[in-house]
């Protein structure tokens, strides 16, 4: 993470308010997590940020998260508590919250999850927190504009403008120096604002046809971030390790090399996260769900027919010429 070391929440004055603001507590163990959460009042909003040091998006989100915390006052009892957890180092907590990608933020009240935010959308994170605890004292610190207010034009004015009645504009489109676009209509010489037709459906059909071939490129196909020799996320790394331990020979596709496949496969599979494991053209799932993790742990014959050896750590990707390639 690029942010500075994360401190424990600052205590507040005895009257329940102070000039200090919230900070972020870095959690390193399950015991540490229990210590900071077990005695929270039911009305306290607990905001838990899961991150990983290898994930580039977490560098940005770490700054956003610590800045967001600093916009809320530290109170006693606390109205908000901000915690940060390395998703891989404290895997037990990550699993309990079904963390399948980072950055990932969980909002919790009275031990119940009330909201989640994935990705690096600062506005979405701020909005989620505000929904459950109110607006921050200084949301501008996040570098985001305040919510915009829209004033609806009076119906009488809008009707008059539509009918061509009222103040006329000159060629510059102004009325007494002010912009007035109500009477503007595009002329024959104006460029079109949208294409005459869209080939989106055709492109989608072609993409789905391609994805249908990719998921069957090998009996066992792993769609992952990076490659088996250089995984780019911890979950992909763990899946590769599991397949290797089981002696499974598999094909793989690096979704980071082809964004069309990366985005399209989410819809095609109706599964939003990666890695994805496909067997005989059917989605088994990701590392986080029952059908992969528990199947492997509880069923000794799971993927056994695709193993090249009964020895542990003998599996791996198929030969390079057998791998699916980005377009």
C-alpha atoms as a PDB file:
ATOM      1  CA  UNK A   1       0.000   0.000   0.000  1.00  0.00           C
ATOM      2  CA  UNK A   2       1.159   3.518  -0.744  1.00  0.00           C
ATOM      3  CA  UNK A   3      -0.527   5.056   2.257  1.00  0.00           C
ATOM      4  CA  UNK A   4       1.340   5.816   5.456  1.00  0.00           C
ATOM      5  CA  UNK A   5       1.219   3.402   8.407  1.00  0.00           C
ATOM      6  CA  UNK A   6      -2.329   3.083   9.645  1.00  0.00           C
ATOM      7  CA  UNK A   7      -2.999   4.093  13.209  1.00  0.00           C
ATOM      8  CA  UNK A   8      -5.606   2.996  15.673  1.00  0.00           C
ATOM      9  CA  UNK A   9      -8.766   5.071  15.898  1.00  0.00           C
ATOM     10  CA  UNK A  10      -8.167   8.224  17.910  1.00  0.00           C
ATOM     11  CA  UNK A  11     -10.102   8.470  21.181  1.00  0.00           C
ATOM     12  CA  UNK A  12     -12.556  11.279  21.587  1.00  0.00           C
ATOM     13  CA  UNK A  13     -13.430  13.620  24.390  1.00  0.00           C
ATOM     14  CA  UNK A  14     -15.761  12.553  27.142  1.00  0.00           C
ATOM     15  CA  UNK A  15     -18.633  14.659  25.801  1.00  0.00           C
ATOM     16  CA  UNK A  16     -18.793  12.457  22.705  1.00  0.00           C
ATOM     17  CA  UNK A  17     -17.135  14.880  20.276  1.00  0.00           C
ATOM     18  CA  UNK A  18     -13.656  16.193  19.624  1.00  0.00           C
ATOM     19  CA  UNK A  19     -11.628  17.977  17.012  1.00  0.00           C
ATOM     20  CA  UNK A  20      -9.878  14.732  16.050  1.00  0.00           C
ATOM     21  CA  UNK A  21     -10.943  12.634  13.099  1.00  0.00           C
ATOM     22  CA  UNK A  22     -11.153   8.915  12.421  1.00  0.00           C
ATOM     23  CA  UNK A  23      -8.101   7.046  11.226  1.00  0.00           C
ATOM     24  CA  UNK A  24      -7.685   3.520   9.876  1.00  0.00           C
ATOM     25  CA  UNK A  25      -6.622   0.532  11.952  1.00  0.00           C
ATOM     26  CA  UNK A  26      -4.563  -2.138  10.204  1.00  0.00           C
ATOM     27  CA  UNK A  27      -5.680  -5.614  11.297  1.00  0.00           C
ATOM     28  CA  UNK A  28      -3.014  -8.324  11.207  1.00  0.00           C
ATOM     29  CA  UNK A  29      -4.585 -11.261  13.071  1.00  0.00           C
ATOM     30  CA  UNK A  30      -7.982 -12.760  13.842  1.00  0.00           C
ATOM     31  CA  UNK A  31      -7.472 -11.898  17.509  1.00  0.00           C
ATOM     32  CA  UNK A  32      -6.748  -8.311  16.561  1.00  0.00           C
ATOM     33  CA  UNK A  33      -9.950  -8.198  14.533  1.00  0.00           C
ATOM     34  CA  UNK A  34     -11.996  -9.617  17.390  1.00  0.00           C
ATOM     35  CA  UNK A  35     -10.516  -7.100  19.810  1.00  0.00           C
ATOM     36  CA  UNK A  36     -11.571  -4.162  17.618  1.00  0.00           C
ATOM     37  CA  UNK A  37     -15.049  -5.417  16.730  1.00  0.00           C
ATOM     38  CA  UNK A  38     -16.436  -7.548  19.563  1.00  0.00           C
ATOM     39  CA  UNK A  39     -17.597  -4.678  21.780  1.00  0.00           C
ATOM     40  CA  UNK A  40     -18.812  -2.193  19.160  1.00  0.00           C
ATOM     41  CA  UNK A  41     -22.253  -0.681  19.799  1.00  0.00           C
ATOM     42  CA  UNK A  42     -24.984  -1.907  17.485  1.00  0.00           C
ATOM     43  CA  UNK A  43     -25.344   1.538  15.907  1.00  0.00           C
ATOM     44  CA  UNK A  44     -21.650   1.797  14.969  1.00  0.00           C
ATOM     45  CA  UNK A  45     -20.880   1.472  11.270  1.00  0.00           C
ATOM     46  CA  UNK A  46     -17.900  -0.850  10.789  1.00  0.00           C
ATOM     47  CA  UNK A  47     -16.136  -0.271   7.462  1.00  0.00           C
ATOM     48  CA  UNK A  48     -13.674  -3.035   6.530  1.00  0.00           C
ATOM     49  CA  UNK A  49     -11.275  -2.545   3.610  1.00  0.00           C
ATOM     50  CA  UNK A  50      -9.686  -5.696   2.117  1.00  0.00           C
ATOM     51  CA  UNK A  51      -6.538  -5.140   0.072  1.00  0.00           C
ATOM     52  CA  UNK A  52      -3.440  -6.903  -1.241  1.00  0.00           C
ATOM     53  CA  UNK A  53       0.031  -5.410  -1.760  1.00  0.00           C
ATOM     54  CA  UNK A  54       0.428  -6.885  -5.259  1.00  0.00           C
ATOM     55  CA  UNK A  55      -2.820  -5.380  -6.567  1.00  0.00           C
ATOM     56  CA  UNK A  56      -2.162  -2.027  -8.229  1.00  0.00           C
ATOM     57  CA  UNK A  57      -5.764  -0.754  -7.773  1.00  0.00           C
ATOM     58  CA  UNK A  58      -5.329  -1.086  -4.003  1.00  0.00           C
ATOM     59  CA  UNK A  59      -2.671   1.635  -4.013  1.00  0.00           C
ATOM     60  CA  UNK A  60      -5.249   4.176  -5.151  1.00  0.00           C
ATOM     61  CA  UNK A  61      -8.004   2.800  -2.959  1.00  0.00           C
ATOM     62  CA  UNK A  62      -5.819   2.826   0.161  1.00  0.00           C
ATOM     63  CA  UNK A  63      -5.407   6.574  -0.213  1.00  0.00           C
ATOM     64  CA  UNK A  64      -9.135   7.027  -0.849  1.00  0.00           C
ATOM     65  CA  UNK A  65     -10.038   4.921   2.180  1.00  0.00           C
ATOM     66  CA  UNK A  66      -7.728   6.692   4.633  1.00  0.00           C
ATOM     67  CA  UNK A  67      -8.842  10.083   3.322  1.00  0.00           C
ATOM     68  CA  UNK A  68     -12.501   9.122   3.677  1.00  0.00           C
ATOM     69  CA  UNK A  69     -11.876   8.079   7.275  1.00  0.00           C
ATOM     70  CA  UNK A  70     -10.323  11.460   8.043  1.00  0.00           C
ATOM     71  CA  UNK A  71     -13.523  13.252   6.987  1.00  0.00           C
ATOM     72  CA  UNK A  72     -15.466  11.707   9.883  1.00  0.00           C
ATOM     73  CA  UNK A  73     -15.060  12.916  13.476  1.00  0.00           C
ATOM     74  CA  UNK A  74     -13.824  10.525  16.150  1.00  0.00           C
ATOM     75  CA  UNK A  75     -16.573  10.138  18.730  1.00  0.00           C
ATOM     76  CA  UNK A  76     -17.166   8.169  21.891  1.00  0.00           C
ATOM     77  CA  UNK A  77     -18.846   5.767  21.517  1.00  0.00           C
ATOM     78  CA  UNK A  78     -17.670   5.554  17.913  1.00  0.00           C
ATOM     79  CA  UNK A  79     -20.161   6.204  15.125  1.00  0.00           C
ATOM     80  CA  UNK A  80     -17.740   4.847  12.515  1.00  0.00           C
ATOM     81  CA  UNK A  81     -14.788   2.443  12.681  1.00  0.00           C
ATOM     82  CA  UNK A  82     -12.425   2.007   9.727  1.00  0.00           C
ATOM     83  CA  UNK A  83     -10.394  -1.227   9.507  1.00  0.00           C
ATOM     84  CA  UNK A  84      -7.907  -2.361   6.854  1.00  0.00           C
ATOM     85  CA  UNK A  85      -7.042  -6.035   6.239  1.00  0.00           C
ATOM     86  CA  UNK A  86      -4.542  -7.725   3.949  1.00  0.00           C
ATOM     87  CA  UNK A  87      -6.862 -10.243   2.271  1.00  0.00           C
ATOM     88  CA  UNK A  88      -4.141 -12.872   1.894  1.00  0.00           C
ATOM     89  CA  UNK A  89      -2.324 -12.457   5.194  1.00  0.00           C
ATOM     90  CA  UNK A  90      -5.538 -12.799   7.215  1.00  0.00           C
ATOM     91  CA  UNK A  91      -7.260 -15.269   4.906  1.00  0.00           C
ATOM     92  CA  UNK A  92      -9.662 -16.584   7.541  1.00  0.00           C
ATOM     93  CA  UNK A  93     -11.361 -13.201   7.821  1.00  0.00           C
ATOM     94  CA  UNK A  94     -11.369 -12.753   4.030  1.00  0.00           C
ATOM     95  CA  UNK A  95     -13.106 -16.094   3.605  1.00  0.00           C
ATOM     96  CA  UNK A  96     -15.702 -15.280   6.244  1.00  0.00           C
ATOM     97  CA  UNK A  97     -16.668 -12.193   4.223  1.00  0.00           C
ATOM     98  CA  UNK A  98     -16.539 -14.013   0.852  1.00  0.00           C
ATOM     99  CA  UNK A  99     -13.783 -11.774  -0.479  1.00  0.00           C
ATOM    100  CA  UNK A 100     -13.021 -12.880  -4.045  1.00  0.00           C
ATOM    101  CA  UNK A 101     -11.291  -9.763  -5.364  1.00  0.00           C
ATOM    102  CA  UNK A 102      -9.517  -6.682  -4.083  1.00  0.00           C
ATOM    103  CA  UNK A 103      -9.979  -3.850  -3.356  1.00  0.00           C
ATOM    104  CA  UNK A 104     -13.192  -4.772  -1.546  1.00  0.00           C
ATOM    105  CA  UNK A 105     -15.017  -2.885   1.208  1.00  0.00           C
ATOM    106  CA  UNK A 106     -17.621  -4.314   3.573  1.00  0.00           C
ATOM    107  CA  UNK A 107     -19.968  -2.104   5.602  1.00  0.00           C
ATOM    108  CA  UNK A 108     -21.402  -3.732   8.700  1.00  0.00           C
ATOM    109  CA  UNK A 109     -23.770  -2.753  11.504  1.00  0.00           C
ATOM    110  CA  UNK A 110     -24.634  -4.898  14.496  1.00  0.00           C
ATOM    111  CA  UNK A 111     -22.610  -7.780  12.973  1.00  0.00           C
ATOM    112  CA  UNK A 112     -24.717  -7.695   9.800  1.00  0.00           C
ATOM    113  CA  UNK A 113     -23.374  -6.729   6.378  1.00  0.00           C
ATOM    114  CA  UNK A 114     -25.389  -3.778   5.098  1.00  0.00           C
ATOM    115  CA  UNK A 115     -23.388  -2.904   1.965  1.00  0.00           C
ATOM    116  CA  UNK A 116     -20.336  -3.860  -0.089  1.00  0.00           C
ATOM    117  CA  UNK A 117     -18.202  -1.955  -2.595  1.00  0.00           C
ATOM    118  CA  UNK A 118     -15.668  -3.512  -4.972  1.00  0.00           C
ATOM    119  CA  UNK A 119     -13.216  -1.665  -7.193  1.00  0.00           C
ATOM    120  CA  UNK A 120     -11.760   1.823  -6.944  1.00  0.00           C
ATOM    121  CA  UNK A 121     -14.852   4.005  -7.329  1.00  0.00           C
ATOM    122  CA  UNK A 122     -14.352   6.645  -4.631  1.00  0.00           C
ATOM    123  CA  UNK A 123     -17.761   8.235  -5.236  1.00  0.00           C
ATOM    124  CA  UNK A 124     -19.515   4.905  -4.810  1.00  0.00           C
ATOM    125  CA  UNK A 125     -17.667   4.192  -1.570  1.00  0.00           C
ATOM    126  CA  UNK A 126     -18.477   7.627  -0.167  1.00  0.00           C
ATOM    127  CA  UNK A 127     -22.144   7.246  -1.137  1.00  0.00           C
ATOM    128  CA  UNK A 128     -22.328   3.831   0.551  1.00  0.00           C
ATOM    129  CA  UNK A 129     -20.915   5.164   3.814  1.00  0.00           C
ATOM    130  CA  UNK A 130     -23.187   8.219   3.716  1.00  0.00           C
ATOM    131  CA  UNK A 131     -26.238   5.998   3.271  1.00  0.00           C
ATOM    132  CA  UNK A 132     -25.610   4.359   6.616  1.00  0.00           C
ATOM    133  CA  UNK A 133     -23.949   7.022   8.756  1.00  0.00           C
ATOM    134  CA  UNK A 134     -24.657  10.387   7.126  1.00  0.00           C
ATOM    135  CA  UNK A 135     -22.452  12.831   5.282  1.00  0.00           C
ATOM    136  CA  UNK A 136     -18.862  13.480   6.250  1.00  0.00           C
ATOM    137  CA  UNK A 137     -17.743  16.791   7.664  1.00  0.00           C
ATOM    138  CA  UNK A 138     -15.494  17.515   4.689  1.00  0.00           C
ATOM    139  CA  UNK A 139     -16.242  15.256   1.701  1.00  0.00           C
ATOM    140  CA  UNK A 140     -14.211  17.590  -0.521  1.00  0.00           C
ATOM    141  CA  UNK A 141     -11.040  16.075   0.913  1.00  0.00           C
ATOM    142  CA  UNK A 142     -11.666  13.088  -1.346  1.00  0.00           C
ATOM    143  CA  UNK A 143     -11.225  15.322  -4.371  1.00  0.00           C
ATOM    144  CA  UNK A 144     -14.852  14.758  -5.357  1.00  0.00           C
ATOM    145  CA  UNK A 145     -17.360  17.498  -6.189  1.00  0.00           C
ATOM    146  CA  UNK A 146     -20.376  17.855  -3.910  1.00  0.00           C
ATOM    147  CA  UNK A 147     -23.688  16.448  -5.182  1.00  0.00           C
ATOM    148  CA  UNK A 148     -25.137  18.734  -7.828  1.00  0.00           C
ATOM    149  CA  UNK A 149     -28.550  20.354  -7.412  1.00  0.00           C
ATOM    150  CA  UNK A 150     -30.774  20.532 -10.487  1.00  0.00           C
ATOM    151  CA  UNK A 151     -33.497  23.172 -10.662  1.00  0.00           C
ATOM    152  CA  UNK A 152     -36.403  22.165 -12.852  1.00  0.00           C
ATOM    153  CA  UNK A 153     -37.519  24.799 -15.321  1.00  0.00           C
ATOM    154  CA  UNK A 154     -41.038  26.125 -14.571  1.00  0.00           C
ATOM    155  CA  UNK A 155     -43.615  24.372 -16.744  1.00  0.00           C
ATOM    156  CA  UNK A 156     -44.922  27.658 -18.153  1.00  0.00           C
ATOM    157  CA  UNK A 157     -41.462  28.672 -19.313  1.00  0.00           C
ATOM    158  CA  UNK A 158     -40.720  25.265 -20.796  1.00  0.00           C
ATOM    159  CA  UNK A 159     -44.048  25.246 -22.671  1.00  0.00           C
ATOM    160  CA  UNK A 160     -43.480  28.714 -24.034  1.00  0.00           C
ATOM    161  CA  UNK A 161     -39.979  27.848 -25.187  1.00  0.00           C
ATOM    162  CA  UNK A 162     -41.184  24.708 -26.921  1.00  0.00           C
ATOM    163  CA  UNK A 163     -43.851  26.707 -28.722  1.00  0.00           C
ATOM    164  CA  UNK A 164     -41.377  29.327 -29.872  1.00  0.00           C
ATOM    165  CA  UNK A 165     -42.896  31.991 -27.619  1.00  0.00           C
ATOM    166  CA  UNK A 166     -40.819  34.260 -25.445  1.00  0.00           C
ATOM    167  CA  UNK A 167     -37.370  35.800 -25.713  1.00  0.00           C
ATOM    168  CA  UNK A 168     -35.655  35.184 -29.044  1.00  0.00           C
ATOM    169  CA  UNK A 169     -32.023  34.289 -29.340  1.00  0.00           C
ATOM    170  CA  UNK A 170     -29.483  35.689 -31.733  1.00  0.00           C
ATOM    171  CA  UNK A 171     -27.188  33.562 -33.841  1.00  0.00           C
ATOM    172  CA  UNK A 172     -24.887  32.917 -30.926  1.00  0.00           C
ATOM    173  CA  UNK A 173     -27.673  31.167 -28.976  1.00  0.00           C
ATOM    174  CA  UNK A 174     -27.844  33.731 -26.195  1.00  0.00           C
ATOM    175  CA  UNK A 175     -30.578  35.770 -24.597  1.00  0.00           C
ATOM    176  CA  UNK A 176     -29.279  38.994 -23.110  1.00  0.00           C
ATOM    177  CA  UNK A 177     -25.867  37.383 -22.862  1.00  0.00           C
ATOM    178  CA  UNK A 178     -27.152  34.138 -21.304  1.00  0.00           C
ATOM    179  CA  UNK A 179     -27.187  30.748 -23.022  1.00  0.00           C
ATOM    180  CA  UNK A 180     -30.612  29.574 -24.214  1.00  0.00           C
ATOM    181  CA  UNK A 181     -30.683  26.202 -25.947  1.00  0.00           C
ATOM    182  CA  UNK A 182     -34.388  25.523 -25.514  1.00  0.00           C
ATOM    183  CA  UNK A 183     -35.239  26.479 -29.106  1.00  0.00           C
ATOM    184  CA  UNK A 184     -32.232  24.884 -30.743  1.00  0.00           C
ATOM    185  CA  UNK A 185     -32.840  22.128 -33.271  1.00  0.00           C
ATOM    186  CA  UNK A 186     -30.059  20.497 -35.300  1.00  0.00           C
ATOM    187  CA  UNK A 187     -29.879  21.485 -38.920  1.00  0.00           C
ATOM    188  CA  UNK A 188     -29.223  19.355 -41.958  1.00  0.00           C
ATOM    189  CA  UNK A 189     -25.558  20.312 -41.892  1.00  0.00           C
ATOM    190  CA  UNK A 190     -25.022  19.291 -38.273  1.00  0.00           C
ATOM    191  CA  UNK A 191     -23.171  16.022 -37.612  1.00  0.00           C
ATOM    192  CA  UNK A 192     -25.293  13.121 -36.385  1.00  0.00           C
ATOM    193  CA  UNK A 193     -25.310  12.581 -32.638  1.00  0.00           C
ATOM    194  CA  UNK A 194     -25.451   8.784 -32.936  1.00  0.00           C
ATOM    195  CA  UNK A 195     -24.647   6.207 -35.605  1.00  0.00           C
ATOM    196  CA  UNK A 196     -27.445   5.298 -37.969  1.00  0.00           C
ATOM    197  CA  UNK A 197     -27.308   1.717 -36.754  1.00  0.00           C
ATOM    198  CA  UNK A 198     -25.593  -0.328 -34.116  1.00  0.00           C
ATOM    199  CA  UNK A 199     -23.820  -3.626 -34.636  1.00  0.00           C
ATOM    200  CA  UNK A 200     -23.741  -4.343 -30.891  1.00  0.00           C
ATOM    201  CA  UNK A 201     -25.901  -7.464 -31.125  1.00  0.00           C
ATOM    202  CA  UNK A 202     -23.781  -8.901 -33.912  1.00  0.00           C
ATOM    203  CA  UNK A 203     -20.582  -8.194 -31.994  1.00  0.00           C
ATOM    204  CA  UNK A 204     -22.039  -9.784 -28.868  1.00  0.00           C
ATOM    205  CA  UNK A 205     -23.049 -12.909 -30.759  1.00  0.00           C
ATOM    206  CA  UNK A 206     -19.566 -13.181 -32.264  1.00  0.00           C
ATOM    207  CA  UNK A 207     -17.962 -12.719 -28.836  1.00  0.00           C
ATOM    208  CA  UNK A 208     -20.173 -15.386 -27.254  1.00  0.00           C
ATOM    209  CA  UNK A 209     -19.310 -17.761 -30.084  1.00  0.00           C
ATOM    210  CA  UNK A 210     -15.634 -17.141 -29.437  1.00  0.00           C
ATOM    211  CA  UNK A 211     -16.064 -17.613 -25.686  1.00  0.00           C
ATOM    212  CA  UNK A 212     -17.942 -20.853 -26.308  1.00  0.00           C
ATOM    213  CA  UNK A 213     -14.849 -22.125 -28.132  1.00  0.00           C
ATOM    214  CA  UNK A 214     -12.405 -20.803 -25.540  1.00  0.00           C
ATOM    215  CA  UNK A 215     -14.034 -22.547 -22.581  1.00  0.00           C
ATOM    216  CA  UNK A 216     -13.658 -25.838 -24.477  1.00  0.00           C
ATOM    217  CA  UNK A 217     -10.097 -25.186 -25.659  1.00  0.00           C
ATOM    218  CA  UNK A 218      -8.911 -27.818 -23.157  1.00  0.00           C
ATOM    219  CA  UNK A 219     -10.787 -30.350 -20.990  1.00  0.00           C
ATOM    220  CA  UNK A 220      -9.838 -28.206 -17.978  1.00  0.00           C
ATOM    221  CA  UNK A 221      -9.586 -24.458 -18.681  1.00  0.00           C
ATOM    222  CA  UNK A 222      -8.469 -21.841 -16.188  1.00  0.00           C
ATOM    223  CA  UNK A 223      -9.257 -18.205 -16.943  1.00  0.00           C
ATOM    224  CA  UNK A 224      -6.899 -16.341 -14.652  1.00  0.00           C
ATOM    225  CA  UNK A 225      -5.125 -13.066 -14.034  1.00  0.00           C
ATOM    226  CA  UNK A 226      -1.626 -13.568 -15.372  1.00  0.00           C
ATOM    227  CA  UNK A 227      -0.045 -16.905 -16.227  1.00  0.00           C
ATOM    228  CA  UNK A 228       0.718 -20.001 -14.113  1.00  0.00           C
ATOM    229  CA  UNK A 229       4.365 -18.962 -13.895  1.00  0.00           C
ATOM    230  CA  UNK A 230       3.494 -15.343 -13.051  1.00  0.00           C
ATOM    231  CA  UNK A 231       0.016 -15.051 -11.475  1.00  0.00           C
ATOM    232  CA  UNK A 232      -1.175 -11.469 -11.049  1.00  0.00           C
ATOM    233  CA  UNK A 233      -3.559 -12.056  -8.156  1.00  0.00           C
ATOM    234  CA  UNK A 234      -3.507 -14.192  -5.052  1.00  0.00           C
ATOM    235  CA  UNK A 235      -6.644 -16.141  -5.937  1.00  0.00           C
ATOM    236  CA  UNK A 236      -5.220 -17.120  -9.331  1.00  0.00           C
ATOM    237  CA  UNK A 237      -1.998 -18.132  -7.596  1.00  0.00           C
ATOM    238  CA  UNK A 238      -3.887 -20.341  -5.148  1.00  0.00           C
ATOM    239  CA  UNK A 239      -5.919 -22.004  -7.904  1.00  0.00           C
ATOM    240  CA  UNK A 240      -2.770 -22.803  -9.893  1.00  0.00           C
ATOM    241  CA  UNK A 241      -1.255 -24.280  -6.740  1.00  0.00           C
ATOM    242  CA  UNK A 242      -4.316 -26.472  -6.142  1.00  0.00           C
ATOM    243  CA  UNK A 243      -4.298 -27.805  -9.715  1.00  0.00           C
ATOM    244  CA  UNK A 244      -0.566 -28.467  -9.510  1.00  0.00           C
ATOM    245  CA  UNK A 245      -0.938 -30.355  -6.237  1.00  0.00           C
ATOM    246  CA  UNK A 246      -3.694 -32.497  -7.765  1.00  0.00           C
ATOM    247  CA  UNK A 247      -1.553 -33.327 -10.789  1.00  0.00           C
ATOM    248  CA  UNK A 248      -4.094 -31.783 -13.188  1.00  0.00           C
ATOM    249  CA  UNK A 249      -3.030 -30.782 -16.692  1.00  0.00           C
ATOM    250  CA  UNK A 250      -5.011 -27.735 -17.786  1.00  0.00           C
ATOM    251  CA  UNK A 251      -5.237 -24.993 -20.355  1.00  0.00           C
ATOM    252  CA  UNK A 252      -5.234 -21.375 -19.286  1.00  0.00           C
ATOM    253  CA  UNK A 253      -6.141 -17.954 -20.602  1.00  0.00           C
ATOM    254  CA  UNK A 254      -4.698 -14.699 -19.291  1.00  0.00           C
ATOM    255  CA  UNK A 255      -7.724 -12.400 -19.091  1.00  0.00           C
ATOM    256  CA  UNK A 256      -5.474  -9.374 -18.484  1.00  0.00           C
ATOM    257  CA  UNK A 257      -4.243  -9.720 -22.064  1.00  0.00           C
ATOM    258  CA  UNK A 258      -7.728  -9.467 -23.601  1.00  0.00           C
ATOM    259  CA  UNK A 259     -10.254  -7.140 -21.987  1.00  0.00           C
ATOM    260  CA  UNK A 260     -12.993  -8.215 -24.394  1.00  0.00           C
ATOM    261  CA  UNK A 261     -12.761 -11.768 -23.068  1.00  0.00           C
ATOM    262  CA  UNK A 262     -12.419 -10.528 -19.499  1.00  0.00           C
ATOM    263  CA  UNK A 263     -15.629  -8.487 -19.622  1.00  0.00           C
ATOM    264  CA  UNK A 264     -17.536 -10.808 -21.928  1.00  0.00           C
ATOM    265  CA  UNK A 265     -16.872 -13.930 -19.881  1.00  0.00           C
ATOM    266  CA  UNK A 266     -18.505 -12.355 -16.822  1.00  0.00           C
ATOM    267  CA  UNK A 267     -21.821 -12.202 -18.700  1.00  0.00           C
ATOM    268  CA  UNK A 268     -21.295 -15.428 -20.642  1.00  0.00           C
ATOM    269  CA  UNK A 269     -20.637 -17.351 -17.423  1.00  0.00           C
ATOM    270  CA  UNK A 270     -22.969 -15.280 -15.273  1.00  0.00           C
ATOM    271  CA  UNK A 271     -20.067 -15.150 -12.828  1.00  0.00           C
ATOM    272  CA  UNK A 272     -18.475 -11.750 -12.072  1.00  0.00           C
ATOM    273  CA  UNK A 273     -15.056 -12.658 -10.695  1.00  0.00           C
ATOM    274  CA  UNK A 274     -11.834 -14.416 -11.668  1.00  0.00           C
ATOM    275  CA  UNK A 275     -10.250 -16.892 -11.723  1.00  0.00           C
ATOM    276  CA  UNK A 276     -12.828 -19.132 -13.378  1.00  0.00           C
ATOM    277  CA  UNK A 277     -12.354 -22.886 -13.733  1.00  0.00           C
ATOM    278  CA  UNK A 278     -14.153 -24.653 -16.591  1.00  0.00           C
ATOM    279  CA  UNK A 279     -14.326 -28.441 -17.015  1.00  0.00           C
ATOM    280  CA  UNK A 280     -15.593 -29.911 -20.295  1.00  0.00           C
ATOM    281  CA  UNK A 281     -17.100 -26.568 -21.253  1.00  0.00           C
ATOM    282  CA  UNK A 282     -19.014 -26.182 -17.972  1.00  0.00           C
ATOM    283  CA  UNK A 283     -18.246 -23.576 -15.327  1.00  0.00           C
ATOM    284  CA  UNK A 284     -17.149 -25.096 -12.037  1.00  0.00           C
ATOM    285  CA  UNK A 285     -16.644 -21.697 -10.421  1.00  0.00           C
ATOM    286  CA  UNK A 286     -13.944 -19.713  -8.692  1.00  0.00           C
ATOM    287  CA  UNK A 287     -11.620 -20.471  -5.816  1.00  0.00           C
ATOM    288  CA  UNK A 288     -14.039 -18.893  -3.357  1.00  0.00           C
ATOM    289  CA  UNK A 289     -17.102 -21.050  -3.948  1.00  0.00           C
ATOM    290  CA  UNK A 290     -18.098 -24.479  -2.699  1.00  0.00           C
ATOM    291  CA  UNK A 291     -17.863 -26.217  -6.050  1.00  0.00           C
ATOM    292  CA  UNK A 292     -14.109 -25.648  -6.286  1.00  0.00           C
ATOM    293  CA  UNK A 293     -12.733 -25.374  -2.797  1.00  0.00           C
ATOM    294  CA  UNK A 294     -14.846 -27.951  -0.997  1.00  0.00           C
ATOM    295  CA  UNK A 295     -15.070 -30.282  -3.981  1.00  0.00           C
ATOM    296  CA  UNK A 296     -11.289 -30.487  -4.024  1.00  0.00           C
ATOM    297  CA  UNK A 297     -11.039 -30.877  -0.260  1.00  0.00           C
ATOM    298  CA  UNK A 298     -13.884 -33.377   0.174  1.00  0.00           C
ATOM    299  CA  UNK A 299     -13.919 -35.362  -3.078  1.00  0.00           C
ATOM    300  CA  UNK A 300     -10.665 -37.236  -3.727  1.00  0.00           C
ATOM    301  CA  UNK A 301     -11.828 -38.069  -7.260  1.00  0.00           C
ATOM    302  CA  UNK A 302     -12.591 -34.468  -8.246  1.00  0.00           C
ATOM    303  CA  UNK A 303     -10.655 -33.762 -11.503  1.00  0.00           C
ATOM    304  CA  UNK A 304      -8.910 -37.122 -11.089  1.00  0.00           C
ATOM    305  CA  UNK A 305      -9.649 -38.121 -14.690  1.00  0.00           C
ATOM    306  CA  UNK A 306      -7.691 -35.046 -15.849  1.00  0.00           C
ATOM    307  CA  UNK A 307      -4.628 -35.766 -13.712  1.00  0.00           C
ATOM    308  CA  UNK A 308      -1.474 -36.704 -15.585  1.00  0.00           C
ATOM    309  CA  UNK A 309       0.059 -38.315 -12.506  1.00  0.00           C
ATOM    310  CA  UNK A 310      -0.975 -39.480  -9.072  1.00  0.00           C
ATOM    311  CA  UNK A 311       2.084 -37.781  -7.587  1.00  0.00           C
ATOM    312  CA  UNK A 312       1.548 -34.460  -5.845  1.00  0.00           C
ATOM    313  CA  UNK A 313       2.775 -31.262  -7.512  1.00  0.00           C
ATOM    314  CA  UNK A 314       3.004 -32.954 -10.920  1.00  0.00           C
ATOM    315  CA  UNK A 315       0.256 -30.955 -12.632  1.00  0.00           C
ATOM    316  CA  UNK A 316       0.610 -27.818 -14.674  1.00  0.00           C
ATOM    317  CA  UNK A 317      -0.408 -26.011 -17.840  1.00  0.00           C
ATOM    318  CA  UNK A 318      -0.528 -27.788 -21.160  1.00  0.00           C
ATOM    319  CA  UNK A 319       2.109 -27.191 -23.809  1.00  0.00           C
ATOM    320  CA  UNK A 320       2.259 -23.612 -25.181  1.00  0.00           C
ATOM    321  CA  UNK A 321       0.873 -24.613 -28.571  1.00  0.00           C
ATOM    322  CA  UNK A 322      -2.211 -26.002 -26.834  1.00  0.00           C
ATOM    323  CA  UNK A 323      -2.976 -22.805 -24.951  1.00  0.00           C
ATOM    324  CA  UNK A 324      -5.800 -20.452 -25.853  1.00  0.00           C
ATOM    325  CA  UNK A 325      -4.401 -17.185 -27.169  1.00  0.00           C
ATOM    326  CA  UNK A 326      -5.744 -13.602 -26.917  1.00  0.00           C
ATOM    327  CA  UNK A 327      -7.252 -12.240 -30.114  1.00  0.00           C
END
